[in-house]
Amino acid sequence: INDLVEQLKEGIVQKAQDVIITYNSKLNGKGEVGNTPNTNESYLKYSNNPYNNAQITQTTTQTTYTYTIDLDVSKIAELKSTTDEMEYLEGAEFEIYSKPNTVEDREPIATITVEGITDAEGNIISSKGLYSSFGSGTYYLKETKSPEGYNKLREEIEIEIIATCDELGAITWTVEDKINNDLVLAQIGVKEIGEGENKTSIPIVKLQVENTSGFQLPVTGGKG
Protein backbone atom coordinates (compact mmCIF):
# COMPACT_ATOMS: atom_id res chain seq x y z
CA ILE A 1 0.00 0.00 0.00
CA ASN A 2 1.75 3.13 -1.19
CA ASP A 3 1.53 6.42 0.75
CA LEU A 4 -0.45 4.88 3.59
CA VAL A 5 -0.01 7.95 5.77
CA GLU A 6 -1.50 10.19 3.08
CA GLN A 7 -4.39 7.79 2.54
CA LEU A 8 -5.11 7.92 6.26
CA LYS A 9 -5.10 11.71 6.19
CA GLU A 10 -7.47 11.79 3.23
CA GLY A 11 -9.83 9.24 4.77
CA ILE A 12 -9.29 6.65 2.03
CA VAL A 13 -8.08 4.20 4.68
CA GLN A 14 -9.49 4.25 8.20
CA LYS A 15 -7.61 3.50 11.40
CA ALA A 16 -7.92 -0.13 12.55
CA GLN A 17 -9.47 -1.01 9.20
CA ASP A 18 -9.07 -4.65 8.19
CA VAL A 19 -6.80 -5.34 5.25
CA ILE A 20 -8.36 -7.97 3.01
CA ILE A 21 -6.23 -9.48 0.26
CA THR A 22 -8.08 -11.55 -2.34
CA TYR A 23 -6.26 -13.76 -4.83
CA ASN A 24 -7.35 -16.22 -7.46
CA SER A 25 -5.56 -19.38 -8.56
CA LYS A 26 -6.38 -21.61 -11.51
CA LEU A 27 -5.82 -25.34 -11.55
CA ASN A 28 -3.95 -26.40 -14.66
CA GLY A 29 -4.06 -29.70 -16.52
CA LYS A 30 -1.35 -31.19 -14.30
CA GLY A 31 -3.54 -31.31 -11.21
CA GLU A 32 -4.53 -34.44 -9.33
CA VAL A 33 -7.96 -35.89 -10.16
CA GLY A 34 -10.38 -38.02 -8.18
CA ASN A 35 -10.04 -38.22 -4.39
CA THR A 36 -6.58 -36.64 -4.16
CA PRO A 37 -6.79 -32.94 -3.21
CA ASN A 38 -4.88 -30.17 -4.92
CA THR A 39 -3.61 -28.04 -2.04
CA ASN A 40 -2.64 -24.40 -2.14
CA GLU A 41 -1.14 -22.46 0.75
CA SER A 42 -1.05 -18.72 1.30
CA TYR A 43 0.21 -16.37 4.00
CA LEU A 44 1.18 -12.74 4.36
CA LYS A 45 4.38 -11.24 5.72
CA TYR A 46 4.12 -7.68 7.01
CA SER A 47 5.92 -5.20 9.23
CA ASN A 48 5.19 -1.96 11.03
CA ASN A 49 8.76 -0.93 10.31
CA PRO A 50 9.83 -1.41 6.70
CA TYR A 51 13.37 -0.36 7.60
CA ASN A 52 13.95 -3.30 9.95
CA ASN A 53 13.68 -6.77 8.43
CA ALA A 54 13.87 -8.34 11.88
CA GLN A 55 10.43 -6.94 12.74
CA ILE A 56 8.49 -9.00 10.19
CA THR A 57 5.33 -10.80 11.22
CA GLN A 58 3.79 -13.70 9.30
CA THR A 59 0.08 -14.50 9.34
CA THR A 60 -1.33 -17.97 9.88
CA THR A 61 -1.04 -20.12 6.76
CA GLN A 62 -4.34 -20.68 4.97
CA THR A 63 -4.72 -23.92 3.00
CA THR A 64 -7.32 -24.68 0.35
CA TYR A 65 -8.23 -28.13 -0.99
CA THR A 66 -9.52 -28.37 -4.55
CA TYR A 67 -10.88 -31.59 -6.04
CA THR A 68 -11.42 -32.33 -9.72
CA ILE A 69 -12.64 -35.28 -11.74
CA ASP A 70 -12.24 -36.47 -15.33
CA LEU A 71 -15.16 -36.46 -17.76
CA ASP A 72 -15.40 -39.31 -20.27
CA VAL A 73 -17.96 -39.11 -23.12
CA SER A 74 -18.85 -42.21 -25.13
CA LYS A 75 -21.07 -42.29 -28.21
CA ILE A 76 -23.26 -45.23 -29.18
CA ALA A 77 -25.66 -45.89 -32.04
CA GLU A 78 -29.40 -45.87 -31.47
CA LEU A 79 -30.62 -48.87 -29.51
CA LYS A 80 -33.85 -50.17 -31.05
CA SER A 81 -34.41 -52.58 -28.17
CA THR A 82 -32.83 -53.66 -24.91
CA THR A 83 -31.35 -56.71 -26.64
CA ASP A 84 -29.44 -54.71 -29.28
CA GLU A 85 -25.69 -55.09 -29.27
CA MET A 86 -23.98 -51.80 -28.42
CA GLU A 87 -22.30 -50.10 -31.37
CA TYR A 88 -19.75 -47.44 -30.52
CA LEU A 89 -19.34 -44.35 -32.72
CA GLU A 90 -16.63 -41.79 -33.32
CA GLY A 91 -16.45 -38.33 -34.86
CA ALA A 92 -18.80 -36.45 -32.54
CA GLU A 93 -17.77 -33.12 -31.06
CA PHE A 94 -19.05 -31.37 -27.96
CA GLU A 95 -18.61 -27.90 -26.53
CA ILE A 96 -18.80 -27.57 -22.76
CA TYR A 97 -20.18 -24.48 -21.04
CA SER A 98 -20.53 -23.40 -17.43
CA LYS A 99 -23.59 -21.31 -18.32
CA PRO A 100 -26.95 -22.28 -19.90
CA ASN A 101 -27.68 -21.52 -23.55
CA THR A 102 -29.92 -18.61 -22.55
CA VAL A 103 -26.86 -16.57 -21.56
CA GLU A 104 -25.64 -14.39 -24.43
CA ASP A 105 -22.01 -13.90 -23.43
CA ARG A 106 -21.14 -17.49 -22.62
CA GLU A 107 -17.99 -19.02 -24.04
CA PRO A 108 -17.08 -22.73 -24.18
CA ILE A 109 -14.68 -23.77 -21.46
CA ALA A 110 -13.63 -26.92 -23.33
CA THR A 111 -14.16 -28.88 -26.53
CA ILE A 112 -14.37 -32.68 -26.63
CA THR A 113 -13.80 -34.79 -29.73
CA VAL A 114 -15.05 -38.36 -29.33
CA GLU A 115 -12.59 -40.84 -30.80
CA GLY A 116 -13.08 -44.53 -31.48
CA ILE A 117 -10.90 -47.19 -29.90
CA THR A 118 -10.38 -50.19 -32.16
CA ASP A 119 -9.31 -53.79 -31.62
CA ALA A 120 -6.72 -55.72 -33.62
CA GLU A 121 -9.23 -56.28 -36.44
CA GLY A 122 -10.05 -52.57 -36.66
CA ASN A 123 -13.49 -52.84 -35.07
CA ILE A 124 -14.55 -49.96 -32.82
CA ILE A 125 -14.87 -51.50 -29.37
CA SER A 126 -15.33 -48.30 -27.38
CA SER A 127 -15.22 -44.56 -27.76
CA LYS A 128 -14.28 -41.72 -25.49
CA GLY A 129 -13.62 -38.03 -25.34
CA LEU A 130 -11.70 -37.23 -22.22
CA TYR A 131 -11.25 -33.85 -20.59
CA SER A 132 -9.74 -33.31 -17.15
CA SER A 133 -10.26 -30.93 -14.27
CA PHE A 134 -13.96 -30.56 -13.67
CA GLY A 135 -14.96 -29.55 -10.17
CA SER A 136 -18.35 -29.54 -8.54
CA GLY A 137 -20.94 -27.55 -10.45
CA THR A 138 -23.38 -27.58 -13.35
CA TYR A 139 -22.11 -28.01 -16.90
CA TYR A 140 -23.79 -27.86 -20.29
CA LEU A 141 -22.66 -30.03 -23.21
CA LYS A 142 -23.69 -29.05 -26.72
CA GLU A 143 -23.17 -31.53 -29.54
CA THR A 144 -21.76 -29.43 -32.38
CA LYS A 145 -20.95 -32.34 -34.70
CA SER A 146 -22.51 -35.78 -34.90
CA PRO A 147 -21.03 -38.99 -36.31
CA GLU A 148 -21.59 -39.44 -40.03
CA GLY A 149 -25.13 -40.66 -40.74
CA TYR A 150 -26.46 -39.67 -37.32
CA ASN A 151 -28.38 -36.71 -35.96
CA LYS A 152 -27.07 -34.22 -33.43
CA LEU A 153 -28.87 -33.97 -30.11
CA ARG A 154 -31.68 -31.42 -30.27
CA GLU A 155 -31.03 -30.09 -26.77
CA GLU A 156 -27.99 -29.56 -24.62
CA ILE A 157 -26.96 -32.05 -21.97
CA GLU A 158 -27.11 -30.52 -18.50
CA ILE A 159 -25.24 -32.37 -15.78
CA GLU A 160 -24.45 -31.51 -12.18
CA ILE A 161 -21.26 -32.88 -10.65
CA ILE A 162 -21.33 -33.07 -6.85
CA ALA A 163 -18.46 -33.79 -4.49
CA THR A 164 -19.38 -34.58 -0.87
CA CYS A 165 -16.78 -34.62 1.90
CA ASP A 166 -17.38 -36.63 5.08
CA GLU A 167 -15.98 -35.99 8.57
CA LEU A 168 -12.84 -37.99 7.79
CA GLY A 169 -12.12 -36.00 4.63
CA ALA A 170 -13.14 -38.73 2.18
CA ILE A 171 -14.70 -37.49 -1.06
CA THR A 172 -17.76 -39.09 -2.66
CA TRP A 173 -18.61 -38.08 -6.25
CA THR A 174 -22.08 -38.13 -7.81
CA VAL A 175 -23.41 -36.90 -11.16
CA GLU A 176 -26.96 -36.12 -12.19
CA ASP A 177 -28.56 -35.62 -15.60
CA LYS A 178 -30.71 -32.57 -14.87
CA ILE A 179 -32.87 -32.92 -17.99
CA ASN A 180 -33.38 -36.69 -17.73
CA ASN A 181 -32.69 -37.16 -21.42
CA ASP A 182 -33.55 -40.69 -22.57
CA LEU A 183 -30.49 -40.62 -24.84
CA VAL A 184 -28.04 -39.80 -22.04
CA LEU A 185 -26.70 -42.04 -19.29
CA ALA A 186 -24.70 -40.17 -16.63
CA GLN A 187 -22.93 -42.15 -13.92
CA ILE A 188 -19.78 -42.35 -11.83
CA GLY A 189 -17.32 -44.97 -13.02
CA VAL A 190 -13.67 -45.76 -12.40
CA LYS A 191 -10.52 -45.77 -14.46
CA GLU A 192 -7.19 -47.36 -13.69
CA ILE A 193 -3.95 -45.41 -13.70
CA GLY A 194 -0.36 -46.45 -13.13
CA GLU A 195 1.22 -49.85 -13.55
CA GLY A 196 2.21 -52.77 -11.36
CA GLU A 197 2.22 -52.05 -7.65
CA ASN A 198 1.42 -48.39 -8.38
CA LYS A 199 -1.76 -49.28 -10.23
CA THR A 200 -4.82 -47.71 -8.67
CA SER A 201 -8.42 -46.84 -9.51
CA ILE A 202 -9.85 -43.33 -9.43
CA PRO A 203 -13.45 -42.13 -9.91
CA ILE A 204 -14.51 -40.63 -13.23
CA VAL A 205 -17.70 -39.06 -14.62
CA LYS A 206 -18.93 -41.21 -17.51
CA LEU A 207 -21.46 -39.96 -20.05
CA GLN A 208 -22.90 -42.36 -22.60
CA VAL A 209 -24.72 -40.47 -25.35
CA GLU A 210 -26.96 -42.22 -27.87
CA ASN A 211 -27.32 -40.86 -31.43
CA THR A 212 -30.31 -41.58 -33.66
CA SER A 213 -29.78 -42.33 -37.36
CA GLY A 214 -31.72 -41.15 -40.40
CA PHE A 215 -32.73 -37.60 -41.25
CA GLN A 216 -34.60 -34.85 -39.46
CA LEU A 217 -37.43 -32.88 -41.02
CA PRO A 218 -36.77 -29.13 -41.30
CA VAL A 219 -38.39 -26.83 -38.77
CA THR A 220 -41.69 -25.38 -40.01
CA GLY A 221 -40.92 -22.32 -42.13
CA GLY A 222 -37.26 -23.25 -42.40
CA LYS A 223 -35.33 -23.67 -45.63
CA GLY A 224 -35.53 -27.08 -47.29
C-alpha atoms as a PDB file:
ATOM      1  CA  ILE A   1       0.000   0.000   0.000  1.00  0.00           C
ATOM      2  CA  ASN A   2       1.754   3.134  -1.187  1.00  0.00           C
ATOM      3  CA  ASP A   3       1.529   6.417   0.751  1.00  0.00           C
ATOM      4  CA  LEU A   4      -0.446   4.877   3.587  1.00  0.00           C
ATOM      5  CA  VAL A   5      -0.008   7.951   5.772  1.00  0.00           C
ATOM      6  CA  GLU A   6      -1.497  10.191   3.083  1.00  0.00           C
ATOM      7  CA  GLN A   7      -4.390   7.785   2.542  1.00  0.00           C
ATOM      8  CA  LEU A   8      -5.108   7.918   6.265  1.00  0.00           C
ATOM      9  CA  LYS A   9      -5.096  11.710   6.193  1.00  0.00           C
ATOM     10  CA  GLU A  10      -7.473  11.791   3.227  1.00  0.00           C
ATOM     11  CA  GLY A  11      -9.831   9.238   4.770  1.00  0.00           C
ATOM     12  CA  ILE A  12      -9.291   6.654   2.031  1.00  0.00           C
ATOM     13  CA  VAL A  13      -8.085   4.199   4.676  1.00  0.00           C
ATOM     14  CA  GLN A  14      -9.495   4.249   8.200  1.00  0.00           C
ATOM     15  CA  LYS A  15      -7.607   3.504  11.398  1.00  0.00           C
ATOM     16  CA  ALA A  16      -7.923  -0.129  12.546  1.00  0.00           C
ATOM     17  CA  GLN A  17      -9.472  -1.010   9.204  1.00  0.00           C
ATOM     18  CA  ASP A  18      -9.072  -4.647   8.186  1.00  0.00           C
ATOM     19  CA  VAL A  19      -6.797  -5.337   5.247  1.00  0.00           C
ATOM     20  CA  ILE A  20      -8.362  -7.970   3.015  1.00  0.00           C
ATOM     21  CA  ILE A  21      -6.232  -9.480   0.262  1.00  0.00           C
ATOM     22  CA  THR A  22      -8.079 -11.546  -2.339  1.00  0.00           C
ATOM     23  CA  TYR A  23      -6.264 -13.756  -4.827  1.00  0.00           C
ATOM     24  CA  ASN A  24      -7.349 -16.225  -7.461  1.00  0.00           C
ATOM     25  CA  SER A  25      -5.555 -19.381  -8.563  1.00  0.00           C
ATOM     26  CA  LYS A  26      -6.383 -21.608 -11.514  1.00  0.00           C
ATOM     27  CA  LEU A  27      -5.825 -25.338 -11.551  1.00  0.00           C
ATOM     28  CA  ASN A  28      -3.946 -26.402 -14.660  1.00  0.00           C
ATOM     29  CA  GLY A  29      -4.059 -29.696 -16.519  1.00  0.00           C
ATOM     30  CA  LYS A  30      -1.352 -31.188 -14.297  1.00  0.00           C
ATOM     31  CA  GLY A  31      -3.539 -31.308 -11.211  1.00  0.00           C
ATOM     32  CA  GLU A  32      -4.534 -34.438  -9.331  1.00  0.00           C
ATOM     33  CA  VAL A  33      -7.963 -35.891 -10.156  1.00  0.00           C
ATOM     34  CA  GLY A  34     -10.379 -38.023  -8.184  1.00  0.00           C
ATOM     35  CA  ASN A  35     -10.037 -38.217  -4.394  1.00  0.00           C
ATOM     36  CA  THR A  36      -6.580 -36.641  -4.156  1.00  0.00           C
ATOM     37  CA  PRO A  37      -6.788 -32.942  -3.208  1.00  0.00           C
ATOM     38  CA  ASN A  38      -4.878 -30.174  -4.916  1.00  0.00           C
ATOM     39  CA  THR A  39      -3.608 -28.040  -2.039  1.00  0.00           C
ATOM     40  CA  ASN A  40      -2.639 -24.405  -2.139  1.00  0.00           C
ATOM     41  CA  GLU A  41      -1.136 -22.458   0.752  1.00  0.00           C
ATOM     42  CA  SER A  42      -1.049 -18.721   1.299  1.00  0.00           C
ATOM     43  CA  TYR A  43       0.213 -16.373   3.999  1.00  0.00           C
ATOM     44  CA  LEU A  44       1.181 -12.742   4.361  1.00  0.00           C
ATOM     45  CA  LYS A  45       4.380 -11.242   5.721  1.00  0.00           C
ATOM     46  CA  TYR A  46       4.120  -7.683   7.014  1.00  0.00           C
ATOM     47  CA  SER A  47       5.917  -5.205   9.229  1.00  0.00           C
ATOM     48  CA  ASN A  48       5.190  -1.959  11.032  1.00  0.00           C
ATOM     49  CA  ASN A  49       8.765  -0.932  10.315  1.00  0.00           C
ATOM     50  CA  PRO A  50       9.831  -1.405   6.696  1.00  0.00           C
ATOM     51  CA  TYR A  51      13.374  -0.357   7.596  1.00  0.00           C
ATOM     52  CA  ASN A  52      13.948  -3.303   9.947  1.00  0.00           C
ATOM     53  CA  ASN A  53      13.675  -6.768   8.427  1.00  0.00           C
ATOM     54  CA  ALA A  54      13.868  -8.340  11.878  1.00  0.00           C
ATOM     55  CA  GLN A  55      10.429  -6.942  12.736  1.00  0.00           C
ATOM     56  CA  ILE A  56       8.489  -8.998  10.188  1.00  0.00           C
ATOM     57  CA  THR A  57       5.328 -10.804  11.222  1.00  0.00           C
ATOM     58  CA  GLN A  58       3.785 -13.704   9.298  1.00  0.00           C
ATOM     59  CA  THR A  59       0.083 -14.504   9.345  1.00  0.00           C
ATOM     60  CA  THR A  60      -1.333 -17.966   9.878  1.00  0.00           C
ATOM     61  CA  THR A  61      -1.039 -20.117   6.758  1.00  0.00           C
ATOM     62  CA  GLN A  62      -4.345 -20.683   4.967  1.00  0.00           C
ATOM     63  CA  THR A  63      -4.717 -23.917   2.997  1.00  0.00           C
ATOM     64  CA  THR A  64      -7.316 -24.683   0.346  1.00  0.00           C
ATOM     65  CA  TYR A  65      -8.226 -28.131  -0.986  1.00  0.00           C
ATOM     66  CA  THR A  66      -9.520 -28.373  -4.547  1.00  0.00           C
ATOM     67  CA  TYR A  67     -10.875 -31.591  -6.042  1.00  0.00           C
ATOM     68  CA  THR A  68     -11.418 -32.329  -9.721  1.00  0.00           C
ATOM     69  CA  ILE A  69     -12.636 -35.281 -11.742  1.00  0.00           C
ATOM     70  CA  ASP A  70     -12.245 -36.475 -15.329  1.00  0.00           C
ATOM     71  CA  LEU A  71     -15.163 -36.461 -17.759  1.00  0.00           C
ATOM     72  CA  ASP A  72     -15.403 -39.314 -20.269  1.00  0.00           C
ATOM     73  CA  VAL A  73     -17.964 -39.108 -23.119  1.00  0.00           C
ATOM     74  CA  SER A  74     -18.851 -42.209 -25.125  1.00  0.00           C
ATOM     75  CA  LYS A  75     -21.068 -42.293 -28.210  1.00  0.00           C
ATOM     76  CA  ILE A  76     -23.262 -45.231 -29.175  1.00  0.00           C
ATOM     77  CA  ALA A  77     -25.661 -45.886 -32.038  1.00  0.00           C
ATOM     78  CA  GLU A  78     -29.402 -45.868 -31.468  1.00  0.00           C
ATOM     79  CA  LEU A  79     -30.625 -48.872 -29.515  1.00  0.00           C
ATOM     80  CA  LYS A  80     -33.848 -50.174 -31.050  1.00  0.00           C
ATOM     81  CA  SER A  81     -34.409 -52.576 -28.174  1.00  0.00           C
ATOM     82  CA  THR A  82     -32.826 -53.662 -24.914  1.00  0.00           C
ATOM     83  CA  THR A  83     -31.347 -56.709 -26.645  1.00  0.00           C
ATOM     84  CA  ASP A  84     -29.442 -54.709 -29.280  1.00  0.00           C
ATOM     85  CA  GLU A  85     -25.693 -55.089 -29.267  1.00  0.00           C
ATOM     86  CA  MET A  86     -23.984 -51.804 -28.422  1.00  0.00           C
ATOM     87  CA  GLU A  87     -22.296 -50.100 -31.374  1.00  0.00           C
ATOM     88  CA  TYR A  88     -19.752 -47.436 -30.523  1.00  0.00           C
ATOM     89  CA  LEU A  89     -19.341 -44.354 -32.720  1.00  0.00           C
ATOM     90  CA  GLU A  90     -16.634 -41.789 -33.316  1.00  0.00           C
ATOM     91  CA  GLY A  91     -16.447 -38.326 -34.858  1.00  0.00           C
ATOM     92  CA  ALA A  92     -18.802 -36.451 -32.541  1.00  0.00           C
ATOM     93  CA  GLU A  93     -17.771 -33.117 -31.061  1.00  0.00           C
ATOM     94  CA  PHE A  94     -19.052 -31.366 -27.958  1.00  0.00           C
ATOM     95  CA  GLU A  95     -18.613 -27.901 -26.533  1.00  0.00           C
ATOM     96  CA  ILE A  96     -18.795 -27.565 -22.760  1.00  0.00           C
ATOM     97  CA  TYR A  97     -20.182 -24.483 -21.045  1.00  0.00           C
ATOM     98  CA  SER A  98     -20.527 -23.401 -17.435  1.00  0.00           C
ATOM     99  CA  LYS A  99     -23.591 -21.306 -18.324  1.00  0.00           C
ATOM    100  CA  PRO A 100     -26.955 -22.284 -19.901  1.00  0.00           C
ATOM    101  CA  ASN A 101     -27.683 -21.523 -23.554  1.00  0.00           C
ATOM    102  CA  THR A 102     -29.924 -18.612 -22.547  1.00  0.00           C
ATOM    103  CA  VAL A 103     -26.858 -16.567 -21.563  1.00  0.00           C
ATOM    104  CA  GLU A 104     -25.642 -14.389 -24.432  1.00  0.00           C
ATOM    105  CA  ASP A 105     -22.010 -13.896 -23.428  1.00  0.00           C
ATOM    106  CA  ARG A 106     -21.135 -17.489 -22.624  1.00  0.00           C
ATOM    107  CA  GLU A 107     -17.993 -19.021 -24.045  1.00  0.00           C
ATOM    108  CA  PRO A 108     -17.079 -22.725 -24.182  1.00  0.00           C
ATOM    109  CA  ILE A 109     -14.676 -23.768 -21.458  1.00  0.00           C
ATOM    110  CA  ALA A 110     -13.631 -26.920 -23.328  1.00  0.00           C
ATOM    111  CA  THR A 111     -14.157 -28.882 -26.527  1.00  0.00           C
ATOM    112  CA  ILE A 112     -14.372 -32.676 -26.625  1.00  0.00           C
ATOM    113  CA  THR A 113     -13.805 -34.793 -29.733  1.00  0.00           C
ATOM    114  CA  VAL A 114     -15.047 -38.361 -29.334  1.00  0.00           C
ATOM    115  CA  GLU A 115     -12.589 -40.840 -30.802  1.00  0.00           C
ATOM    116  CA  GLY A 116     -13.076 -44.531 -31.481  1.00  0.00           C
ATOM    117  CA  ILE A 117     -10.902 -47.190 -29.895  1.00  0.00           C
ATOM    118  CA  THR A 118     -10.383 -50.194 -32.163  1.00  0.00           C
ATOM    119  CA  ASP A 119      -9.313 -53.790 -31.620  1.00  0.00           C
ATOM    120  CA  ALA A 120      -6.724 -55.724 -33.617  1.00  0.00           C
ATOM    121  CA  GLU A 121      -9.230 -56.283 -36.440  1.00  0.00           C
ATOM    122  CA  GLY A 122     -10.046 -52.574 -36.657  1.00  0.00           C
ATOM    123  CA  ASN A 123     -13.488 -52.839 -35.065  1.00  0.00           C
ATOM    124  CA  ILE A 124     -14.549 -49.959 -32.821  1.00  0.00           C
ATOM    125  CA  ILE A 125     -14.871 -51.505 -29.375  1.00  0.00           C
ATOM    126  CA  SER A 126     -15.331 -48.297 -27.384  1.00  0.00           C
ATOM    127  CA  SER A 127     -15.221 -44.558 -27.762  1.00  0.00           C
ATOM    128  CA  LYS A 128     -14.279 -41.722 -25.494  1.00  0.00           C
ATOM    129  CA  GLY A 129     -13.624 -38.033 -25.344  1.00  0.00           C
ATOM    130  CA  LEU A 130     -11.701 -37.229 -22.218  1.00  0.00           C
ATOM    131  CA  TYR A 131     -11.254 -33.849 -20.593  1.00  0.00           C
ATOM    132  CA  SER A 132      -9.738 -33.310 -17.152  1.00  0.00           C
ATOM    133  CA  SER A 133     -10.261 -30.931 -14.270  1.00  0.00           C
ATOM    134  CA  PHE A 134     -13.963 -30.556 -13.669  1.00  0.00           C
ATOM    135  CA  GLY A 135     -14.957 -29.547 -10.166  1.00  0.00           C
ATOM    136  CA  SER A 136     -18.352 -29.540  -8.541  1.00  0.00           C
ATOM    137  CA  GLY A 137     -20.942 -27.550 -10.451  1.00  0.00           C
ATOM    138  CA  THR A 138     -23.380 -27.577 -13.347  1.00  0.00           C
ATOM    139  CA  TYR A 139     -22.108 -28.014 -16.905  1.00  0.00           C
ATOM    140  CA  TYR A 140     -23.792 -27.865 -20.293  1.00  0.00           C
ATOM    141  CA  LEU A 141     -22.657 -30.029 -23.206  1.00  0.00           C
ATOM    142  CA  LYS A 142     -23.686 -29.052 -26.718  1.00  0.00           C
ATOM    143  CA  GLU A 143     -23.165 -31.530 -29.539  1.00  0.00           C
ATOM    144  CA  THR A 144     -21.759 -29.434 -32.377  1.00  0.00           C
ATOM    145  CA  LYS A 145     -20.946 -32.339 -34.698  1.00  0.00           C
ATOM    146  CA  SER A 146     -22.510 -35.780 -34.903  1.00  0.00           C
ATOM    147  CA  PRO A 147     -21.026 -38.989 -36.312  1.00  0.00           C
ATOM    148  CA  GLU A 148     -21.594 -39.438 -40.034  1.00  0.00           C
ATOM    149  CA  GLY A 149     -25.127 -40.661 -40.742  1.00  0.00           C
ATOM    150  CA  TYR A 150     -26.459 -39.667 -37.319  1.00  0.00           C
ATOM    151  CA  ASN A 151     -28.376 -36.706 -35.958  1.00  0.00           C
ATOM    152  CA  LYS A 152     -27.075 -34.222 -33.428  1.00  0.00           C
ATOM    153  CA  LEU A 153     -28.870 -33.973 -30.114  1.00  0.00           C
ATOM    154  CA  ARG A 154     -31.682 -31.416 -30.273  1.00  0.00           C
ATOM    155  CA  GLU A 155     -31.027 -30.095 -26.773  1.00  0.00           C
ATOM    156  CA  GLU A 156     -27.990 -29.563 -24.616  1.00  0.00           C
ATOM    157  CA  ILE A 157     -26.960 -32.047 -21.971  1.00  0.00           C
ATOM    158  CA  GLU A 158     -27.108 -30.521 -18.505  1.00  0.00           C
ATOM    159  CA  ILE A 159     -25.241 -32.365 -15.781  1.00  0.00           C
ATOM    160  CA  GLU A 160     -24.452 -31.510 -12.181  1.00  0.00           C
ATOM    161  CA  ILE A 161     -21.258 -32.879 -10.650  1.00  0.00           C
ATOM    162  CA  ILE A 162     -21.332 -33.073  -6.854  1.00  0.00           C
ATOM    163  CA  ALA A 163     -18.458 -33.793  -4.486  1.00  0.00           C
ATOM    164  CA  THR A 164     -19.382 -34.581  -0.865  1.00  0.00           C
ATOM    165  CA  CYS A 165     -16.778 -34.621   1.901  1.00  0.00           C
ATOM    166  CA  ASP A 166     -17.383 -36.631   5.083  1.00  0.00           C
ATOM    167  CA  GLU A 167     -15.985 -35.988   8.566  1.00  0.00           C
ATOM    168  CA  LEU A 168     -12.837 -37.985   7.786  1.00  0.00           C
ATOM    169  CA  GLY A 169     -12.119 -35.996   4.628  1.00  0.00           C
ATOM    170  CA  ALA A 170     -13.135 -38.730   2.180  1.00  0.00           C
ATOM    171  CA  ILE A 171     -14.702 -37.493  -1.062  1.00  0.00           C
ATOM    172  CA  THR A 172     -17.763 -39.085  -2.664  1.00  0.00           C
ATOM    173  CA  TRP A 173     -18.611 -38.083  -6.248  1.00  0.00           C
ATOM    174  CA  THR A 174     -22.083 -38.134  -7.809  1.00  0.00           C
ATOM    175  CA  VAL A 175     -23.407 -36.902 -11.157  1.00  0.00           C
ATOM    176  CA  GLU A 176     -26.960 -36.115 -12.191  1.00  0.00           C
ATOM    177  CA  ASP A 177     -28.562 -35.621 -15.605  1.00  0.00           C
ATOM    178  CA  LYS A 178     -30.706 -32.565 -14.865  1.00  0.00           C
ATOM    179  CA  ILE A 179     -32.872 -32.925 -17.990  1.00  0.00           C
ATOM    180  CA  ASN A 180     -33.381 -36.687 -17.726  1.00  0.00           C
ATOM    181  CA  ASN A 181     -32.689 -37.157 -21.423  1.00  0.00           C
ATOM    182  CA  ASP A 182     -33.548 -40.686 -22.571  1.00  0.00           C
ATOM    183  CA  LEU A 183     -30.491 -40.622 -24.836  1.00  0.00           C
ATOM    184  CA  VAL A 184     -28.040 -39.799 -22.038  1.00  0.00           C
ATOM    185  CA  LEU A 185     -26.698 -42.042 -19.286  1.00  0.00           C
ATOM    186  CA  ALA A 186     -24.703 -40.174 -16.625  1.00  0.00           C
ATOM    187  CA  GLN A 187     -22.929 -42.146 -13.923  1.00  0.00           C
ATOM    188  CA  ILE A 188     -19.785 -42.351 -11.831  1.00  0.00           C
ATOM    189  CA  GLY A 189     -17.319 -44.975 -13.019  1.00  0.00           C
ATOM    190  CA  VAL A 190     -13.671 -45.755 -12.402  1.00  0.00           C
ATOM    191  CA  LYS A 191     -10.516 -45.773 -14.460  1.00  0.00           C
ATOM    192  CA  GLU A 192      -7.194 -47.359 -13.694  1.00  0.00           C
ATOM    193  CA  ILE A 193      -3.949 -45.415 -13.699  1.00  0.00           C
ATOM    194  CA  GLY A 194      -0.362 -46.451 -13.133  1.00  0.00           C
ATOM    195  CA  GLU A 195       1.219 -49.852 -13.552  1.00  0.00           C
ATOM    196  CA  GLY A 196       2.206 -52.774 -11.360  1.00  0.00           C
ATOM    197  CA  GLU A 197       2.224 -52.049  -7.650  1.00  0.00           C
ATOM    198  CA  ASN A 198       1.421 -48.390  -8.378  1.00  0.00           C
ATOM    199  CA  LYS A 199      -1.756 -49.279 -10.229  1.00  0.00           C
ATOM    200  CA  THR A 200      -4.822 -47.708  -8.671  1.00  0.00           C
ATOM    201  CA  SER A 201      -8.417 -46.837  -9.514  1.00  0.00           C
ATOM    202  CA  ILE A 202      -9.853 -43.334  -9.425  1.00  0.00           C
ATOM    203  CA  PRO A 203     -13.451 -42.125  -9.910  1.00  0.00           C
ATOM    204  CA  ILE A 204     -14.513 -40.634 -13.231  1.00  0.00           C
ATOM    205  CA  VAL A 205     -17.700 -39.065 -14.621  1.00  0.00           C
ATOM    206  CA  LYS A 206     -18.928 -41.212 -17.513  1.00  0.00           C
ATOM    207  CA  LEU A 207     -21.460 -39.955 -20.051  1.00  0.00           C
ATOM    208  CA  GLN A 208     -22.903 -42.355 -22.601  1.00  0.00           C
ATOM    209  CA  VAL A 209     -24.715 -40.474 -25.352  1.00  0.00           C
ATOM    210  CA  GLU A 210     -26.962 -42.217 -27.865  1.00  0.00           C
ATOM    211  CA  ASN A 211     -27.324 -40.856 -31.432  1.00  0.00           C
ATOM    212  CA  THR A 212     -30.308 -41.575 -33.664  1.00  0.00           C
ATOM    213  CA  SER A 213     -29.782 -42.326 -37.355  1.00  0.00           C
ATOM    214  CA  GLY A 214     -31.719 -41.151 -40.400  1.00  0.00           C
ATOM    215  CA  PHE A 215     -32.728 -37.596 -41.254  1.00  0.00           C
ATOM    216  CA  GLN A 216     -34.603 -34.845 -39.459  1.00  0.00           C
ATOM    217  CA  LEU A 217     -37.427 -32.878 -41.023  1.00  0.00           C
ATOM    218  CA  PRO A 218     -36.773 -29.135 -41.295  1.00  0.00           C
ATOM    219  CA  VAL A 219     -38.390 -26.833 -38.771  1.00  0.00           C
ATOM    220  CA  THR A 220     -41.691 -25.377 -40.007  1.00  0.00           C
ATOM    221  CA  GLY A 221     -40.919 -22.319 -42.131  1.00  0.00           C
ATOM    222  CA  GLY A 222     -37.258 -23.251 -42.401  1.00  0.00           C
ATOM    223  CA  LYS A 223     -35.325 -23.674 -45.626  1.00  0.00           C
ATOM    224  CA  GLY A 224     -35.529 -27.078 -47.290  1.00  0.00           C
END
